[in-house]
mmCIF file of all heavy atoms, coordinates in Angstrom:
data_MODEL
# 
_entry.id   MODEL 
# 
loop_
_atom_site.group_PDB 
_atom_site.id 
_atom_site.type_symbol 
_atom_site.label_atom_id 
_atom_site.label_alt_id 
_atom_site.label_comp_id 
_atom_site.label_asym_id 
_atom_site.label_entity_id 
_atom_site.label_seq_id 
_atom_site.pdbx_PDB_ins_code 
_atom_site.Cartn_x 
_atom_site.Cartn_y 
_atom_site.Cartn_z 
_atom_site.occupancy 
_atom_site.B_iso_or_equiv 
_atom_site.pdbx_formal_charge 
_atom_site.auth_seq_id 
_atom_site.auth_comp_id 
_atom_site.auth_asym_id 
_atom_site.auth_atom_id 
_atom_site.pdbx_PDB_model_num 
ATOM 1   N N   . THR A 1 1  ? -21.276 -57.788 -106.382 1.00 0.00 ? 1  THR A N   1 
ATOM 2   C CA  . THR A 1 1  ? -21.822 -56.479 -106.695 1.00 0.00 ? 1  THR A CA  1 
ATOM 3   C C   . THR A 1 1  ? -22.857 -56.573 -107.802 1.00 0.00 ? 1  THR A C   1 
ATOM 4   O O   . THR A 1 1  ? -22.620 -57.160 -108.850 1.00 0.00 ? 1  THR A O   1 
ATOM 5   C CB  . THR A 1 1  ? -20.708 -55.522 -107.152 1.00 0.00 ? 1  THR A CB  1 
ATOM 6   O OG1 . THR A 1 1  ? -19.699 -55.488 -106.155 1.00 0.00 ? 1  THR A OG1 1 
ATOM 7   C CG2 . THR A 1 1  ? -21.255 -54.118 -107.377 1.00 0.00 ? 1  THR A CG2 1 
ATOM 8   N N   . VAL A 1 2  ? -23.984 -55.983 -107.537 1.00 0.00 ? 2  VAL A N   1 
ATOM 9   C CA  . VAL A 1 2  ? -24.994 -55.823 -108.578 1.00 0.00 ? 2  VAL A CA  1 
ATOM 10  C C   . VAL A 1 2  ? -24.948 -54.389 -109.094 1.00 0.00 ? 2  VAL A C   1 
ATOM 11  O O   . VAL A 1 2  ? -24.905 -54.129 -110.278 1.00 0.00 ? 2  VAL A O   1 
ATOM 12  C CB  . VAL A 1 2  ? -26.412 -56.148 -108.030 1.00 0.00 ? 2  VAL A CB  1 
ATOM 13  C CG1 . VAL A 1 2  ? -27.460 -55.900 -109.108 1.00 0.00 ? 2  VAL A CG1 1 
ATOM 14  C CG2 . VAL A 1 2  ? -26.471 -57.584 -107.542 1.00 0.00 ? 2  VAL A CG2 1 
ATOM 15  N N   . GLU A 1 3  ? -24.903 -53.447 -108.170 1.00 0.00 ? 3  GLU A N   1 
ATOM 16  C CA  . GLU A 1 3  ? -24.847 -52.041 -108.540 1.00 0.00 ? 3  GLU A CA  1 
ATOM 17  C C   . GLU A 1 3  ? -24.283 -51.261 -107.367 1.00 0.00 ? 3  GLU A C   1 
ATOM 18  O O   . GLU A 1 3  ? -24.592 -51.558 -106.214 1.00 0.00 ? 3  GLU A O   1 
ATOM 19  C CB  . GLU A 1 3  ? -26.247 -51.524 -108.867 1.00 0.00 ? 3  GLU A CB  1 
ATOM 20  C CG  . GLU A 1 3  ? -26.264 -50.084 -109.352 1.00 0.00 ? 3  GLU A CG  1 
ATOM 21  C CD  . GLU A 1 3  ? -27.680 -49.633 -109.675 1.00 0.00 ? 3  GLU A CD  1 
ATOM 22  O OE1 . GLU A 1 3  ? -28.590 -50.465 -109.598 1.00 0.00 ? 3  GLU A OE1 1 
ATOM 23  O OE2 . GLU A 1 3  ? -27.839 -48.438 -109.972 1.00 0.00 ? 3  GLU A OE2 1 
ATOM 24  N N   . LYS A 1 4  ? -23.436 -50.250 -107.622 1.00 0.00 ? 4  LYS A N   1 
ATOM 25  C CA  . LYS A 1 4  ? -22.861 -49.418 -106.580 1.00 0.00 ? 4  LYS A CA  1 
ATOM 26  C C   . LYS A 1 4  ? -23.425 -48.006 -106.642 1.00 0.00 ? 4  LYS A C   1 
ATOM 27  O O   . LYS A 1 4  ? -23.731 -47.496 -107.710 1.00 0.00 ? 4  LYS A O   1 
ATOM 28  C CB  . LYS A 1 4  ? -21.328 -49.337 -106.715 1.00 0.00 ? 4  LYS A CB  1 
ATOM 29  C CG  . LYS A 1 4  ? -20.586 -50.565 -106.287 1.00 0.00 ? 4  LYS A CG  1 
ATOM 30  C CD  . LYS A 1 4  ? -19.099 -50.294 -106.347 1.00 0.00 ? 4  LYS A CD  1 
ATOM 31  C CE  . LYS A 1 4  ? -18.291 -51.510 -105.902 1.00 0.00 ? 4  LYS A CE  1 
ATOM 32  N NZ  . LYS A 1 4  ? -16.840 -51.239 -105.968 1.00 0.00 ? 4  LYS A NZ  1 
ATOM 33  N N   . ASP A 1 5  ? -23.505 -47.394 -105.458 1.00 0.00 ? 5  ASP A N   1 
ATOM 34  C CA  . ASP A 1 5  ? -23.823 -45.978 -105.386 1.00 0.00 ? 5  ASP A CA  1 
ATOM 35  C C   . ASP A 1 5  ? -22.679 -45.212 -106.052 1.00 0.00 ? 5  ASP A C   1 
ATOM 36  O O   . ASP A 1 5  ? -21.519 -45.572 -105.917 1.00 0.00 ? 5  ASP A O   1 
ATOM 37  C CB  . ASP A 1 5  ? -23.950 -45.565 -103.910 1.00 0.00 ? 5  ASP A CB  1 
ATOM 38  C CG  . ASP A 1 5  ? -24.373 -44.120 -103.766 1.00 0.00 ? 5  ASP A CG  1 
ATOM 39  O OD1 . ASP A 1 5  ? -23.525 -43.245 -103.996 1.00 0.00 ? 5  ASP A OD1 1 
ATOM 40  O OD2 . ASP A 1 5  ? -25.528 -43.887 -103.400 1.00 0.00 ? 5  ASP A OD2 1 
ATOM 41  N N   . ALA A 1 6  ? -22.998 -44.126 -106.765 1.00 0.00 ? 6  ALA A N   1 
ATOM 42  C CA  . ALA A 1 6  ? -21.980 -43.389 -107.523 1.00 0.00 ? 6  ALA A CA  1 
ATOM 43  C C   . ALA A 1 6  ? -20.923 -42.771 -106.620 1.00 0.00 ? 6  ALA A C   1 
ATOM 44  O O   . ALA A 1 6  ? -19.810 -42.494 -107.062 1.00 0.00 ? 6  ALA A O   1 
ATOM 45  C CB  . ALA A 1 6  ? -22.651 -42.302 -108.357 1.00 0.00 ? 6  ALA A CB  1 
ATOM 46  N N   . THR A 1 7  ? -21.253 -42.543 -105.345 1.00 0.00 ? 7  THR A N   1 
ATOM 47  C CA  . THR A 1 7  ? -20.290 -41.906 -104.451 1.00 0.00 ? 7  THR A CA  1 
ATOM 48  C C   . THR A 1 7  ? -19.395 -42.916 -103.744 1.00 0.00 ? 7  THR A C   1 
ATOM 49  O O   . THR A 1 7  ? -18.499 -42.536 -103.011 1.00 0.00 ? 7  THR A O   1 
ATOM 50  C CB  . THR A 1 7  ? -21.026 -41.086 -103.374 1.00 0.00 ? 7  THR A CB  1 
ATOM 51  O OG1 . THR A 1 7  ? -21.825 -41.978 -102.574 1.00 0.00 ? 7  THR A OG1 1 
ATOM 52  C CG2 . THR A 1 7  ? -21.912 -40.026 -103.989 1.00 0.00 ? 7  THR A CG2 1 
ATOM 53  N N   . TYR A 1 8  ? -19.625 -44.193 -103.981 1.00 0.00 ? 8  TYR A N   1 
ATOM 54  C CA  . TYR A 1 8  ? -18.884 -45.219 -103.255 1.00 0.00 ? 8  TYR A CA  1 
ATOM 55  C C   . TYR A 1 8  ? -17.544 -45.500 -103.925 1.00 0.00 ? 8  TYR A C   1 
ATOM 56  O O   . TYR A 1 8  ? -17.456 -45.755 -105.113 1.00 0.00 ? 8  TYR A O   1 
ATOM 57  C CB  . TYR A 1 8  ? -19.711 -46.502 -103.168 1.00 0.00 ? 8  TYR A CB  1 
ATOM 58  C CG  . TYR A 1 8  ? -18.982 -47.619 -102.488 1.00 0.00 ? 8  TYR A CG  1 
ATOM 59  C CD1 . TYR A 1 8  ? -18.765 -47.588 -101.119 1.00 0.00 ? 8  TYR A CD1 1 
ATOM 60  C CD2 . TYR A 1 8  ? -18.487 -48.688 -103.218 1.00 0.00 ? 8  TYR A CD2 1 
ATOM 61  C CE1 . TYR A 1 8  ? -18.081 -48.597 -100.480 1.00 0.00 ? 8  TYR A CE1 1 
ATOM 62  C CE2 . TYR A 1 8  ? -17.797 -49.708 -102.589 1.00 0.00 ? 8  TYR A CE2 1 
ATOM 63  C CZ  . TYR A 1 8  ? -17.607 -49.664 -101.229 1.00 0.00 ? 8  TYR A CZ  1 
ATOM 64  O OH  . TYR A 1 8  ? -16.928 -50.670 -100.597 1.00 0.00 ? 8  TYR A OH  1 
ATOM 65  N N   . LYS A 1 9  ? -16.467 -45.421 -103.130 1.00 0.00 ? 9  LYS A N   1 
ATOM 66  C CA  . LYS A 1 9  ? -15.135 -45.718 -103.643 1.00 0.00 ? 9  LYS A CA  1 
ATOM 67  C C   . LYS A 1 9  ? -14.364 -46.485 -102.577 1.00 0.00 ? 9  LYS A C   1 
ATOM 68  O O   . LYS A 1 9  ? -14.589 -46.325 -101.389 1.00 0.00 ? 9  LYS A O   1 
ATOM 69  C CB  . LYS A 1 9  ? -14.358 -44.428 -103.971 1.00 0.00 ? 9  LYS A CB  1 
ATOM 70  C CG  . LYS A 1 9  ? -14.956 -43.555 -105.056 1.00 0.00 ? 9  LYS A CG  1 
ATOM 71  C CD  . LYS A 1 9  ? -14.041 -42.375 -105.330 1.00 0.00 ? 9  LYS A CD  1 
ATOM 72  C CE  . LYS A 1 9  ? -14.602 -41.459 -106.404 1.00 0.00 ? 9  LYS A CE  1 
ATOM 73  N NZ  . LYS A 1 9  ? -15.706 -40.638 -105.882 1.00 0.00 ? 9  LYS A NZ  1 
ATOM 74  N N   . ARG A 1 10 ? -13.419 -47.300 -103.055 1.00 0.00 ? 10 ARG A N   1 
ATOM 75  C CA  . ARG A 1 10 ? -12.513 -47.983 -102.144 1.00 0.00 ? 10 ARG A CA  1 
ATOM 76  C C   . ARG A 1 10 ? -11.245 -47.144 -101.989 1.00 0.00 ? 10 ARG A C   1 
ATOM 77  O O   . ARG A 1 10 ? -10.807 -46.467 -102.911 1.00 0.00 ? 10 ARG A O   1 
ATOM 78  C CB  . ARG A 1 10 ? -12.137 -49.358 -102.678 1.00 0.00 ? 10 ARG A CB  1 
ATOM 79  C CG  . ARG A 1 10 ? -13.307 -50.310 -102.832 1.00 0.00 ? 10 ARG A CG  1 
ATOM 80  C CD  . ARG A 1 10 ? -13.802 -50.807 -101.487 1.00 0.00 ? 10 ARG A CD  1 
ATOM 81  N NE  . ARG A 1 10 ? -12.935 -51.839 -100.950 1.00 0.00 ? 10 ARG A NE  1 
ATOM 82  C CZ  . ARG A 1 10 ? -13.013 -52.289 -99.706  1.00 0.00 ? 10 ARG A CZ  1 
ATOM 83  N NH1 . ARG A 1 10 ? -13.884 -51.767 -98.871  1.00 0.00 ? 10 ARG A NH1 1 
ATOM 84  N NH2 . ARG A 1 10 ? -12.216 -53.243 -99.278  1.00 0.00 ? 10 ARG A NH2 1 
ATOM 85  N N   . ILE A 1 11 ? -10.644 -47.198 -100.795 1.00 0.00 ? 11 ILE A N   1 
ATOM 86  C CA  . ILE A 1 11 ? -9.392  -46.489 -100.538 1.00 0.00 ? 11 ILE A CA  1 
ATOM 87  C C   . ILE A 1 11 ? -8.379  -47.482 -99.993  1.00 0.00 ? 11 ILE A C   1 
ATOM 88  O O   . ILE A 1 11 ? -8.683  -48.251 -99.076  1.00 0.00 ? 11 ILE A O   1 
ATOM 89  C CB  . ILE A 1 11 ? -9.576  -45.372 -99.493  1.00 0.00 ? 11 ILE A CB  1 
ATOM 90  C CG1 . ILE A 1 11 ? -10.541 -44.304 -100.003 1.00 0.00 ? 11 ILE A CG1 1 
ATOM 91  C CG2 . ILE A 1 11 ? -8.235  -44.726 -99.155  1.00 0.00 ? 11 ILE A CG2 1 
ATOM 92  C CD1 . ILE A 1 11 ? -10.841 -43.249 -98.974  1.00 0.00 ? 11 ILE A CD1 1 
ATOM 93  N N   . THR A 1 12 ? -7.177  -47.462 -100.568 1.00 0.00 ? 12 THR A N   1 
ATOM 94  C CA  . THR A 1 12 ? -6.061  -48.213 -99.995  1.00 0.00 ? 12 THR A CA  1 
ATOM 95  C C   . THR A 1 12 ? -5.208  -47.236 -99.196  1.00 0.00 ? 12 THR A C   1 
ATOM 96  O O   . THR A 1 12 ? -4.865  -46.159 -99.692  1.00 0.00 ? 12 THR A O   1 
ATOM 97  C CB  . THR A 1 12 ? -5.215  -48.872 -101.092 1.00 0.00 ? 12 THR A CB  1 
ATOM 98  O OG1 . THR A 1 12 ? -6.046  -49.763 -101.855 1.00 0.00 ? 12 THR A OG1 1 
ATOM 99  C CG2 . THR A 1 12 ? -4.065  -49.656 -100.487 1.00 0.00 ? 12 THR A CG2 1 
ATOM 100 N N   . GLN A 1 13 ? -4.873  -47.625 -97.981  1.00 0.00 ? 13 GLN A N   1 
ATOM 101 C CA  . GLN A 1 13 ? -4.172  -46.719 -97.080  1.00 0.00 ? 13 GLN A CA  1 
ATOM 102 C C   . GLN A 1 13 ? -2.885  -47.344 -96.560  1.00 0.00 ? 13 GLN A C   1 
ATOM 103 O O   . GLN A 1 13 ? -2.859  -48.503 -96.175  1.00 0.00 ? 13 GLN A O   1 
ATOM 104 C CB  . GLN A 1 13 ? -5.087  -46.365 -95.904  1.00 0.00 ? 13 GLN A CB  1 
ATOM 105 C CG  . GLN A 1 13 ? -4.488  -45.368 -94.919  1.00 0.00 ? 13 GLN A CG  1 
ATOM 106 C CD  . GLN A 1 13 ? -5.399  -45.131 -93.737  1.00 0.00 ? 13 GLN A CD  1 
ATOM 107 O OE1 . GLN A 1 13 ? -5.373  -45.889 -92.772  1.00 0.00 ? 13 GLN A OE1 1 
ATOM 108 N NE2 . GLN A 1 13 ? -6.225  -44.090 -93.809  1.00 0.00 ? 13 GLN A NE2 1 
ATOM 109 N N   . LEU A 1 14 ? -1.826  -46.532 -96.543  1.00 0.00 ? 14 LEU A N   1 
ATOM 110 C CA  . LEU A 1 14 ? -0.539  -46.943 -95.984  1.00 0.00 ? 14 LEU A CA  1 
ATOM 111 C C   . LEU A 1 14 ? -0.198  -45.972 -94.860  1.00 0.00 ? 14 LEU A C   1 
ATOM 112 O O   . LEU A 1 14 ? -0.231  -44.754 -95.044  1.00 0.00 ? 14 LEU A O   1 
ATOM 113 C CB  . LEU A 1 14 ? 0.546   -46.900 -97.064  1.00 0.00 ? 14 LEU A CB  1 
ATOM 114 C CG  . LEU A 1 14 ? 1.980   -47.242 -96.637  1.00 0.00 ? 14 LEU A CG  1 
ATOM 115 C CD1 . LEU A 1 14 ? 2.093   -48.721 -96.321  1.00 0.00 ? 14 LEU A CD1 1 
ATOM 116 C CD2 . LEU A 1 14 ? 2.965   -46.855 -97.730  1.00 0.00 ? 14 LEU A CD2 1 
ATOM 117 N N   . ARG A 1 15 ? 0.124   -46.495 -93.681  1.00 0.00 ? 15 ARG A N   1 
ATOM 118 C CA  . ARG A 1 15 ? 0.474   -45.652 -92.540  1.00 0.00 ? 15 ARG A CA  1 
ATOM 119 C C   . ARG A 1 15 ? 1.915   -45.942 -92.131  1.00 0.00 ? 15 ARG A C   1 
ATOM 120 O O   . ARG A 1 15 ? 2.300   -47.097 -91.941  1.00 0.00 ? 15 ARG A O   1 
ATOM 121 C CB  . ARG A 1 15 ? -0.468  -45.911 -91.367  1.00 0.00 ? 15 ARG A CB  1 
ATOM 122 C CG  . ARG A 1 15 ? -1.929  -45.769 -91.717  1.00 0.00 ? 15 ARG A CG  1 
ATOM 123 C CD  . ARG A 1 15 ? -2.829  -46.244 -90.584  1.00 0.00 ? 15 ARG A CD  1 
ATOM 124 N NE  . ARG A 1 15 ? -3.034  -45.183 -89.618  1.00 0.00 ? 15 ARG A NE  1 
ATOM 125 C CZ  . ARG A 1 15 ? -4.110  -44.401 -89.600  1.00 0.00 ? 15 ARG A CZ  1 
ATOM 126 N NH1 . ARG A 1 15 ? -5.061  -44.573 -90.499  1.00 0.00 ? 15 ARG A NH1 1 
ATOM 127 N NH2 . ARG A 1 15 ? -4.237  -43.470 -88.690  1.00 0.00 ? 15 ARG A NH2 1 
ATOM 128 N N   . ILE A 1 16 ? 2.706   -44.887 -91.982  1.00 0.00 ? 16 ILE A N   1 
ATOM 129 C CA  . ILE A 1 16 ? 4.114   -45.008 -91.615  1.00 0.00 ? 16 ILE A CA  1 
ATOM 130 C C   . ILE A 1 16 ? 4.344   -44.226 -90.324  1.00 0.00 ? 16 ILE A C   1 
ATOM 131 O O   . ILE A 1 16 ? 4.203   -42.998 -90.300  1.00 0.00 ? 16 ILE A O   1 
ATOM 132 C CB  . ILE A 1 16 ? 5.031   -44.463 -92.731  1.00 0.00 ? 16 ILE A CB  1 
ATOM 133 C CG1 . ILE A 1 16 ? 4.738   -45.168 -94.055  1.00 0.00 ? 16 ILE A CG1 1 
ATOM 134 C CG2 . ILE A 1 16 ? 6.493   -44.607 -92.340  1.00 0.00 ? 16 ILE A CG2 1 
ATOM 135 C CD1 . ILE A 1 16 ? 5.412   -44.531 -95.251  1.00 0.00 ? 16 ILE A CD1 1 
ATOM 136 N N   . GLY A 1 17 ? 4.659   -44.914 -89.249  1.00 0.00 ? 17 GLY A N   1 
ATOM 137 C CA  . GLY A 1 17 ? 4.890   -44.255 -87.982  1.00 0.00 ? 17 GLY A CA  1 
ATOM 138 C C   . GLY A 1 17 ? 6.204   -43.484 -87.987  1.00 0.00 ? 17 GLY A C   1 
ATOM 139 O O   . GLY A 1 17 ? 7.178   -43.878 -88.634  1.00 0.00 ? 17 GLY A O   1 
ATOM 140 N N   . MET A 1 18 ? 6.235   -42.345 -87.270  1.00 0.00 ? 18 MET A N   1 
ATOM 141 C CA  . MET A 1 18 ? 7.450   -41.539 -87.162  1.00 0.00 ? 18 MET A CA  1 
ATOM 142 C C   . MET A 1 18 ? 8.027   -41.665 -85.755  1.00 0.00 ? 18 MET A C   1 
ATOM 143 O O   . MET A 1 18 ? 7.299   -41.933 -84.801  1.00 0.00 ? 18 MET A O   1 
ATOM 144 C CB  . MET A 1 18 ? 7.139   -40.066 -87.471  1.00 0.00 ? 18 MET A CB  1 
ATOM 145 C CG  . MET A 1 18 ? 6.739   -39.822 -88.914  1.00 0.00 ? 18 MET A CG  1 
ATOM 146 S SD  . MET A 1 18 ? 6.678   -38.052 -89.346  1.00 0.00 ? 18 MET A SD  1 
ATOM 147 C CE  . MET A 1 18 ? 5.166   -37.535 -88.536  1.00 0.00 ? 18 MET A CE  1 
ATOM 148 N N   . PRO A 1 19 ? 9.338   -41.457 -85.590  1.00 0.00 ? 19 PRO A N   1 
ATOM 149 C CA  . PRO A 1 19 ? 9.953   -41.539 -84.260  1.00 0.00 ? 19 PRO A CA  1 
ATOM 150 C C   . PRO A 1 19 ? 9.362   -40.505 -83.307  1.00 0.00 ? 19 PRO A C   1 
ATOM 151 O O   . PRO A 1 19 ? 8.941   -39.430 -83.725  1.00 0.00 ? 19 PRO A O   1 
ATOM 152 C CB  . PRO A 1 19 ? 11.440  -41.232 -84.532  1.00 0.00 ? 19 PRO A CB  1 
ATOM 153 C CG  . PRO A 1 19 ? 11.625  -41.458 -85.988  1.00 0.00 ? 19 PRO A CG  1 
ATOM 154 C CD  . PRO A 1 19 ? 10.320  -41.156 -86.644  1.00 0.00 ? 19 PRO A CD  1 
ATOM 155 N N   . GLN A 1 20 ? 9.336   -40.826 -82.020  1.00 0.00 ? 20 GLN A N   1 
ATOM 156 C CA  . GLN A 1 20 ? 8.778   -39.912 -81.030  1.00 0.00 ? 20 GLN A CA  1 
ATOM 157 C C   . GLN A 1 20 ? 9.577   -38.607 -80.926  1.00 0.00 ? 20 GLN A C   1 
ATOM 158 O O   . GLN A 1 20 ? 9.052   -37.569 -80.546  1.00 0.00 ? 20 GLN A O   1 
ATOM 159 C CB  . GLN A 1 20 ? 8.732   -40.600 -79.654  1.00 0.00 ? 20 GLN A CB  1 
ATOM 160 C CG  . GLN A 1 20 ? 7.706   -41.716 -79.566  1.00 0.00 ? 20 GLN A CG  1 
ATOM 161 C CD  . GLN A 1 20 ? 6.291   -41.236 -79.853  1.00 0.00 ? 20 GLN A CD  1 
ATOM 162 O OE1 . GLN A 1 20 ? 5.869   -40.212 -79.344  1.00 0.00 ? 20 GLN A OE1 1 
ATOM 163 N NE2 . GLN A 1 20 ? 5.575   -41.982 -80.694  1.00 0.00 ? 20 GLN A NE2 1 
ATOM 164 N N   . SER A 1 21 ? 10.854  -38.669 -81.264  1.00 0.00 ? 21 SER A N   1 
ATOM 165 C CA  . SER A 1 21 ? 11.720  -37.486 -81.145  1.00 0.00 ? 21 SER A CA  1 
ATOM 166 C C   . SER A 1 21 ? 11.634  -36.558 -82.349  1.00 0.00 ? 21 SER A C   1 
ATOM 167 O O   . SER A 1 21 ? 12.358  -35.562 -82.416  1.00 0.00 ? 21 SER A O   1 
ATOM 168 C CB  . SER A 1 21 ? 13.173  -37.940 -80.983  1.00 0.00 ? 21 SER A CB  1 
ATOM 169 O OG  . SER A 1 21 ? 13.590  -38.676 -82.128  1.00 0.00 ? 21 SER A OG  1 
ATOM 170 N N   . VAL A 1 22 ? 10.742  -36.840 -83.293  1.00 0.00 ? 22 VAL A N   1 
ATOM 171 C CA  . VAL A 1 22 ? 10.735  -36.110 -84.561  1.00 0.00 ? 22 VAL A CA  1 
ATOM 172 C C   . VAL A 1 22 ? 10.421  -34.625 -84.366  1.00 0.00 ? 22 VAL A C   1 
ATOM 173 O O   . VAL A 1 22 ? 10.908  -33.786 -85.131  1.00 0.00 ? 22 VAL A O   1 
ATOM 174 C CB  . VAL A 1 22 ? 9.742   -36.773 -85.547  1.00 0.00 ? 22 VAL A CB  1 
ATOM 175 C CG1 . VAL A 1 22 ? 8.297   -36.498 -85.149  1.00 0.00 ? 22 VAL A CG1 1 
ATOM 176 C CG2 . VAL A 1 22 ? 10.001  -36.289 -86.973  1.00 0.00 ? 22 VAL A CG2 1 
ATOM 177 N N   . MET A 1 23 ? 9.637   -34.271 -83.352  1.00 0.00 ? 23 MET A N   1 
ATOM 178 C CA  . MET A 1 23 ? 9.300   -32.870 -83.113  1.00 0.00 ? 23 MET A CA  1 
ATOM 179 C C   . MET A 1 23 ? 10.564  -32.034 -82.896  1.00 0.00 ? 23 MET A C   1 
ATOM 180 O O   . MET A 1 23 ? 10.716  -30.945 -83.459  1.00 0.00 ? 23 MET A O   1 
ATOM 181 C CB  . MET A 1 23 ? 8.381   -32.747 -81.899  1.00 0.00 ? 23 MET A CB  1 
ATOM 182 C CG  . MET A 1 23 ? 8.073   -31.320 -81.490  1.00 0.00 ? 23 MET A CG  1 
ATOM 183 S SD  . MET A 1 23 ? 6.954   -31.222 -80.082  1.00 0.00 ? 23 MET A SD  1 
ATOM 184 C CE  . MET A 1 23 ? 8.026   -31.791 -78.755  1.00 0.00 ? 23 MET A CE  1 
ATOM 185 N N   . PHE A 1 24 ? 11.487  -32.537 -82.080  1.00 0.00 ? 24 PHE A N   1 
ATOM 186 C CA  . PHE A 1 24 ? 12.717  -31.795 -81.802  1.00 0.00 ? 24 PHE A CA  1 
ATOM 187 C C   . PHE A 1 24 ? 13.643  -31.795 -83.009  1.00 0.00 ? 24 PHE A C   1 
ATOM 188 O O   . PHE A 1 24 ? 14.375  -30.827 -83.236  1.00 0.00 ? 24 PHE A O   1 
ATOM 189 C CB  . PHE A 1 24 ? 13.405  -32.385 -80.571  1.00 0.00 ? 24 PHE A CB  1 
ATOM 190 C CG  . PHE A 1 24 ? 12.557  -32.307 -79.334  1.00 0.00 ? 24 PHE A CG  1 
ATOM 191 C CD1 . PHE A 1 24 ? 11.896  -33.422 -78.859  1.00 0.00 ? 24 PHE A CD1 1 
ATOM 192 C CD2 . PHE A 1 24 ? 12.388  -31.102 -78.664  1.00 0.00 ? 24 PHE A CD2 1 
ATOM 193 C CE1 . PHE A 1 24 ? 11.093  -33.346 -77.732  1.00 0.00 ? 24 PHE A CE1 1 
ATOM 194 C CE2 . PHE A 1 24 ? 11.592  -31.019 -77.537  1.00 0.00 ? 24 PHE A CE2 1 
ATOM 195 C CZ  . PHE A 1 24 ? 10.945  -32.145 -77.072  1.00 0.00 ? 24 PHE A CZ  1 
ATOM 196 N N   . LYS A 1 25 ? 13.607  -32.862 -83.799  1.00 0.00 ? 25 LYS A N   1 
ATOM 197 C CA  . LYS A 1 25 ? 14.395  -32.904 -85.027  1.00 0.00 ? 25 LYS A CA  1 
ATOM 198 C C   . LYS A 1 25 ? 13.912  -31.845 -86.009  1.00 0.00 ? 25 LYS A C   1 
ATOM 199 O O   . LYS A 1 25 ? 14.708  -31.212 -86.705  1.00 0.00 ? 25 LYS A O   1 
ATOM 200 C CB  . LYS A 1 25 ? 14.319  -34.304 -85.658  1.00 0.00 ? 25 LYS A CB  1 
ATOM 201 C CG  . LYS A 1 25 ? 15.074  -35.374 -84.912  1.00 0.00 ? 25 LYS A CG  1 
ATOM 202 C CD  . LYS A 1 25 ? 16.587  -35.167 -85.057  1.00 0.00 ? 25 LYS A CD  1 
ATOM 203 C CE  . LYS A 1 25 ? 17.363  -36.302 -84.417  1.00 0.00 ? 25 LYS A CE  1 
ATOM 204 N NZ  . LYS A 1 25 ? 18.822  -36.126 -84.564  1.00 0.00 ? 25 LYS A NZ  1 
ATOM 205 N N   . ARG A 1 26 ? 12.576  -31.674 -86.089  1.00 0.00 ? 26 ARG A N   1 
ATOM 206 C CA  . ARG A 1 26 ? 12.042  -30.638 -86.979  1.00 0.00 ? 26 ARG A CA  1 
ATOM 207 C C   . ARG A 1 26 ? 12.432  -29.248 -86.499  1.00 0.00 ? 26 ARG A C   1 
ATOM 208 O O   . ARG A 1 26 ? 12.568  -28.312 -87.294  1.00 0.00 ? 26 ARG A O   1 
ATOM 209 C CB  . ARG A 1 26 ? 10.511  -30.751 -87.060  1.00 0.00 ? 26 ARG A CB  1 
ATOM 210 C CG  . ARG A 1 26 ? 10.004  -31.846 -87.983  1.00 0.00 ? 26 ARG A CG  1 
ATOM 211 C CD  . ARG A 1 26 ? 8.548   -31.640 -88.358  1.00 0.00 ? 26 ARG A CD  1 
ATOM 212 N NE  . ARG A 1 26 ? 7.665   -31.668 -87.212  1.00 0.00 ? 26 ARG A NE  1 
ATOM 213 C CZ  . ARG A 1 26 ? 7.033   -32.743 -86.766  1.00 0.00 ? 26 ARG A CZ  1 
ATOM 214 N NH1 . ARG A 1 26 ? 7.205   -33.899 -87.385  1.00 0.00 ? 26 ARG A NH1 1 
ATOM 215 N NH2 . ARG A 1 26 ? 6.231   -32.688 -85.718  1.00 0.00 ? 26 ARG A NH2 1 
ATOM 216 N N   . ALA A 1 27 ? 12.594  -29.091 -85.191  1.00 0.00 ? 27 ALA A N   1 
ATOM 217 C CA  . ALA A 1 27 ? 12.918  -27.776 -84.624  1.00 0.00 ? 27 ALA A CA  1 
ATOM 218 C C   . ALA A 1 27 ? 14.374  -27.390 -84.827  1.00 0.00 ? 27 ALA A C   1 
ATOM 219 O O   . ALA A 1 27 ? 14.702  -26.191 -84.908  1.00 0.00 ? 27 ALA A O   1 
ATOM 220 C CB  . ALA A 1 27 ? 12.593  -27.768 -83.132  1.00 0.00 ? 27 ALA A CB  1 
# 
């Protein structure tokens, strides 16, 4: 890196899958 645009940011992301039956569990 020499210089970054002020709007540039890194994001760390975590994704957790839910069971397929979760809709009925919520109901």
